[in-house]
C-alpha atoms as a PDB file:
ATOM      1  CA  GLN A   1     -54.820  -7.695 -46.627  1.00  0.00           C
ATOM      2  CA  PHE A   2     -52.687  -4.568 -46.163  1.00  0.00           C
ATOM      3  CA  SER A   3     -49.130  -4.653 -47.375  1.00  0.00           C
ATOM      4  CA  THR A   4     -46.348  -2.500 -45.965  1.00  0.00           C
ATOM      5  CA  PRO A   5     -44.490  -0.356 -48.451  1.00  0.00           C
ATOM      6  CA  PRO A   6     -41.051  -1.857 -49.050  1.00  0.00           C
ATOM      7  CA  ALA A   7     -39.231   1.164 -47.832  1.00  0.00           C
ATOM      8  CA  ILE A   8     -41.117   1.084 -44.471  1.00  0.00           C
ATOM      9  CA  ALA A   9     -40.597  -2.597 -44.211  1.00  0.00           C
ATOM     10  CA  ASP A  10     -36.907  -2.258 -44.768  1.00  0.00           C
ATOM     11  CA  ALA A  11     -36.626   0.369 -42.156  1.00  0.00           C
ATOM     12  CA  MET A  12     -38.464  -1.748 -39.677  1.00  0.00           C
ATOM     13  CA  VAL A  13     -36.525  -4.812 -40.391  1.00  0.00           C
ATOM     14  CA  ARG A  14     -33.195  -3.063 -40.402  1.00  0.00           C
ATOM     15  CA  TRP A  15     -33.779  -1.626 -37.028  1.00  0.00           C
ATOM     16  CA  ALA A  16     -35.167  -4.906 -35.434  1.00  0.00           C
ATOM     17  CA  SER A  17     -32.605  -7.140 -36.871  1.00  0.00           C
ATOM     18  CA  ARG A  18     -29.640  -4.948 -35.956  1.00  0.00           C
ATOM     19  CA  ASP A  19     -28.794  -4.028 -39.434  1.00  0.00           C
ATOM     20  CA  TYR A  20     -29.801  -7.420 -40.836  1.00  0.00           C
ATOM     21  CA  THR A  21     -27.304  -9.415 -38.672  1.00  0.00           C
ATOM     22  CA  CYS A  22     -30.033 -11.447 -36.561  1.00  0.00           C
ATOM     23  CA  ALA A  23     -29.487 -15.138 -36.456  1.00  0.00           C
ATOM     24  CA  SER A  24     -33.318 -15.869 -36.142  1.00  0.00           C
ATOM     25  CA  PHE A  25     -36.299 -13.820 -37.381  1.00  0.00           C
ATOM     26  CA  LEU A  26     -40.169 -14.289 -37.082  1.00  0.00           C
ATOM     27  CA  ASP A  27     -42.943 -12.715 -39.045  1.00  0.00           C
ATOM     28  CA  PRO A  28     -46.156 -13.904 -37.213  1.00  0.00           C
ATOM     29  CA  GLY A  29     -48.352 -12.563 -39.924  1.00  0.00           C
ATOM     30  CA  VAL A  30     -46.245 -13.083 -42.846  1.00  0.00           C
ATOM     31  CA  GLY A  31     -48.897 -12.184 -45.648  1.00  0.00           C
ATOM     32  CA  THR A  32     -46.970 -12.104 -49.011  1.00  0.00           C
ATOM     33  CA  GLY A  33     -43.468 -11.927 -47.225  1.00  0.00           C
ATOM     34  CA  THR A  34     -42.654  -8.297 -47.361  1.00  0.00           C
ATOM     35  CA  PHE A  35     -40.673  -8.247 -44.124  1.00  0.00           C
ATOM     36  CA  ILE A  36     -38.834 -11.393 -44.968  1.00  0.00           C
ATOM     37  CA  ALA A  37     -38.111 -10.165 -48.542  1.00  0.00           C
ATOM     38  CA  ALA A  38     -36.663  -6.936 -46.820  1.00  0.00           C
ATOM     39  CA  LEU A  39     -34.467  -8.933 -44.459  1.00  0.00           C
ATOM     40  CA  LEU A  40     -33.101 -11.099 -47.333  1.00  0.00           C
ATOM     41  CA  GLN A  41     -32.458  -8.161 -49.538  1.00  0.00           C
ATOM     42  CA  GLY A  42     -30.828  -6.249 -46.874  1.00  0.00           C
ATOM     43  CA  ARG A  43     -28.573  -9.193 -46.013  1.00  0.00           C
ATOM     44  CA  ARG A  44     -27.584  -9.491 -49.591  1.00  0.00           C
ATOM     45  CA  ARG A  45     -26.836  -5.709 -49.926  1.00  0.00           C
ATOM     46  CA  CYS A  46     -24.639  -5.847 -46.842  1.00  0.00           C
ATOM     47  CA  GLY A  47     -22.858  -9.124 -47.984  1.00  0.00           C
ATOM     48  CA  ILE A  48     -24.084 -11.159 -45.043  1.00  0.00           C
ATOM     49  CA  VAL A  49     -23.662 -14.757 -46.062  1.00  0.00           C
ATOM     50  CA  THR A  50     -24.342 -16.716 -42.803  1.00  0.00           C
ATOM     51  CA  PRO A  51     -27.748 -18.436 -42.924  1.00  0.00           C
ATOM     52  CA  VAL A  52     -30.516 -17.121 -40.796  1.00  0.00           C
ATOM     53  CA  LEU A  53     -33.431 -18.996 -39.308  1.00  0.00           C
ATOM     54  CA  ILE A  54     -36.639 -17.459 -40.604  1.00  0.00           C
ATOM     55  CA  ASP A  55     -40.065 -18.511 -39.468  1.00  0.00           C
ATOM     56  CA  GLY A  56     -43.328 -17.008 -40.902  1.00  0.00           C
ATOM     57  CA  THR A  57     -46.919 -17.852 -40.059  1.00  0.00           C
ATOM     58  CA  ASP A  58     -50.274 -16.844 -41.481  1.00  0.00           C
ATOM     59  CA  VAL A  59     -53.804 -17.933 -41.160  1.00  0.00           C
ATOM     60  CA  ASP A  60     -54.450 -17.399 -44.910  1.00  0.00           C
ATOM     61  CA  PRO A  61     -53.235 -20.247 -47.114  1.00  0.00           C
ATOM     62  CA  LEU A  62     -53.337 -18.158 -50.221  1.00  0.00           C
ATOM     63  CA  MET A  63     -50.982 -15.600 -48.614  1.00  0.00           C
ATOM     64  CA  LEU A  64     -48.585 -18.473 -47.703  1.00  0.00           C
ATOM     65  CA  GLN A  65     -48.659 -19.503 -51.183  1.00  0.00           C
ATOM     66  CA  LEU A  66     -47.689 -16.086 -52.415  1.00  0.00           C
ATOM     67  CA  ALA A  67     -45.021 -15.677 -49.742  1.00  0.00           C
ATOM     68  CA  SER A  68     -43.618 -19.077 -50.743  1.00  0.00           C
ATOM     69  CA  ALA A  69     -43.425 -18.085 -54.416  1.00  0.00           C
ATOM     70  CA  ARG A  70     -41.802 -14.603 -53.597  1.00  0.00           C
ATOM     71  CA  LEU A  71     -39.246 -16.212 -51.239  1.00  0.00           C
ATOM     72  CA  SER A  72     -38.344 -19.213 -53.223  1.00  0.00           C
ATOM     73  CA  ALA A  73     -34.832 -17.823 -54.123  1.00  0.00           C
ATOM     74  CA  ALA A  74     -33.880 -17.870 -50.265  1.00  0.00           C
ATOM     75  CA  THR A  75     -32.085 -21.126 -50.901  1.00  0.00           C
ATOM     76  CA  ASN A  76     -29.235 -20.403 -48.281  1.00  0.00           C
ATOM     77  CA  GLU A  77     -31.751 -19.571 -45.446  1.00  0.00           C
ATOM     78  CA  ARG A  78     -33.669 -21.862 -43.151  1.00  0.00           C
ATOM     79  CA  LEU A  79     -37.085 -20.789 -44.120  1.00  0.00           C
ATOM     80  CA  SER A  80     -40.278 -22.249 -42.648  1.00  0.00           C
ATOM     81  CA  LEU A  81     -43.733 -20.870 -43.575  1.00  0.00           C
ATOM     82  CA  ARG A  82     -46.607 -22.352 -41.618  1.00  0.00           C
ATOM     83  CA  ASN A  83     -50.354 -22.084 -41.843  1.00  0.00           C
ATOM     84  CA  GLU A  84     -51.383 -21.265 -38.346  1.00  0.00           C
ATOM     85  CA  ASP A  85     -52.557 -18.450 -36.024  1.00  0.00           C
ATOM     86  CA  PHE A  86     -49.493 -17.346 -34.126  1.00  0.00           C
ATOM     87  CA  LEU A  87     -51.907 -16.222 -31.283  1.00  0.00           C
ATOM     88  CA  ASP A  88     -53.050 -19.876 -30.900  1.00  0.00           C
ATOM     89  CA  THR A  89     -49.708 -21.584 -31.329  1.00  0.00           C
ATOM     90  CA  PRO A  90     -47.746 -22.364 -28.287  1.00  0.00           C
ATOM     91  CA  THR A  91     -43.961 -21.772 -28.679  1.00  0.00           C
ATOM     92  CA  ASP A  92     -40.809 -22.150 -26.602  1.00  0.00           C
ATOM     93  CA  SER A  93     -38.736 -20.495 -29.425  1.00  0.00           C
ATOM     94  CA  SER A  94     -37.186 -17.299 -29.069  1.00  0.00           C
ATOM     95  CA  TYR A  95     -36.014 -15.035 -31.888  1.00  0.00           C
ATOM     96  CA  ASP A  96     -33.458 -12.240 -32.218  1.00  0.00           C
ATOM     97  CA  ALA A  97     -35.991 -10.216 -34.395  1.00  0.00           C
ATOM     98  CA  ILE A  98     -39.769 -10.238 -34.717  1.00  0.00           C
ATOM     99  CA  VAL A  99     -41.389  -7.934 -37.243  1.00  0.00           C
ATOM    100  CA  SER A 100     -45.012  -7.813 -38.261  1.00  0.00           C
ATOM    101  CA  ASN A 101     -47.905  -5.778 -39.001  1.00  0.00           C
ATOM    102  CA  PRO A 102     -50.552  -6.070 -36.351  1.00  0.00           C
ATOM    103  CA  PRO A 103     -53.557  -8.148 -37.286  1.00  0.00           C
ATOM    104  CA  TYR A 104     -56.103  -5.986 -38.836  1.00  0.00           C
ATOM    105  CA  LEU A 105     -59.183  -7.038 -36.867  1.00  0.00           C
ATOM    106  CA  ARG A 106     -61.226  -5.196 -34.232  1.00  0.00           C
ATOM    107  CA  HIS A 107     -59.637  -6.826 -31.182  1.00  0.00           C
ATOM    108  CA  HIS A 108     -62.683  -6.181 -28.969  1.00  0.00           C
ATOM    109  CA  ARG A 109     -64.972  -8.282 -31.405  1.00  0.00           C
ATOM    110  CA  ASN A 110     -62.511 -11.221 -31.114  1.00  0.00           C
ATOM    111  CA  PRO A 111     -64.381 -14.150 -29.452  1.00  0.00           C
ATOM    112  CA  ARG A 112     -61.046 -15.374 -28.124  1.00  0.00           C
ATOM    113  CA  ARG A 113     -59.792 -12.047 -26.748  1.00  0.00           C
ATOM    114  CA  ALA A 114     -59.612 -12.765 -23.086  1.00  0.00           C
ATOM    115  CA  ALA A 115     -57.764 -16.001 -23.600  1.00  0.00           C
ATOM    116  CA  THR A 116     -55.406 -14.483 -26.228  1.00  0.00           C
ATOM    117  CA  VAL A 117     -54.621 -11.323 -23.830  1.00  0.00           C
ATOM    118  CA  ALA A 118     -54.004 -13.874 -20.890  1.00  0.00           C
ATOM    119  CA  ARG A 119     -51.699 -15.981 -23.020  1.00  0.00           C
ATOM    120  CA  VAL A 120     -49.655 -12.924 -24.311  1.00  0.00           C
ATOM    121  CA  GLN A 121     -49.430 -11.418 -20.767  1.00  0.00           C
ATOM    122  CA  ALA A 122     -48.201 -14.845 -19.479  1.00  0.00           C
ATOM    123  CA  LEU A 123     -45.539 -15.208 -22.196  1.00  0.00           C
ATOM    124  CA  THR A 124     -44.208 -11.656 -22.067  1.00  0.00           C
ATOM    125  CA  GLY A 125     -44.643 -10.686 -18.483  1.00  0.00           C
ATOM    126  CA  TYR A 126     -46.360  -7.517 -19.644  1.00  0.00           C
ATOM    127  CA  SER A 127     -50.032  -6.385 -18.877  1.00  0.00           C
ATOM    128  CA  LEU A 128     -51.975  -5.424 -21.899  1.00  0.00           C
END
């Protein structure tokens, strides 16, 4: 696991969430919850009190337990943490902001690479 330093996480989240004002946020590789924590802290600093829909996914159940413990004070938010691989989970949801570290895996060794690339291209309309 590689954790993003808090100052970098904050800068990424602030930019993607339009100064923490997004109504929905996704971290598709949540780890210990660094990006979600940055969003919540930024919203508190700015006095933003409207709830935000927050989704986080991870393939590692231990990371989800750590994220859940870290983010347990987010009582005013609609927070959902799920044990799943975001590359394999179909979604019809859209989000105002998506922030994540890339998966640290050698993509050319991924046995599902072709199917994953095809799915991402179909969802986004971009050629990878």
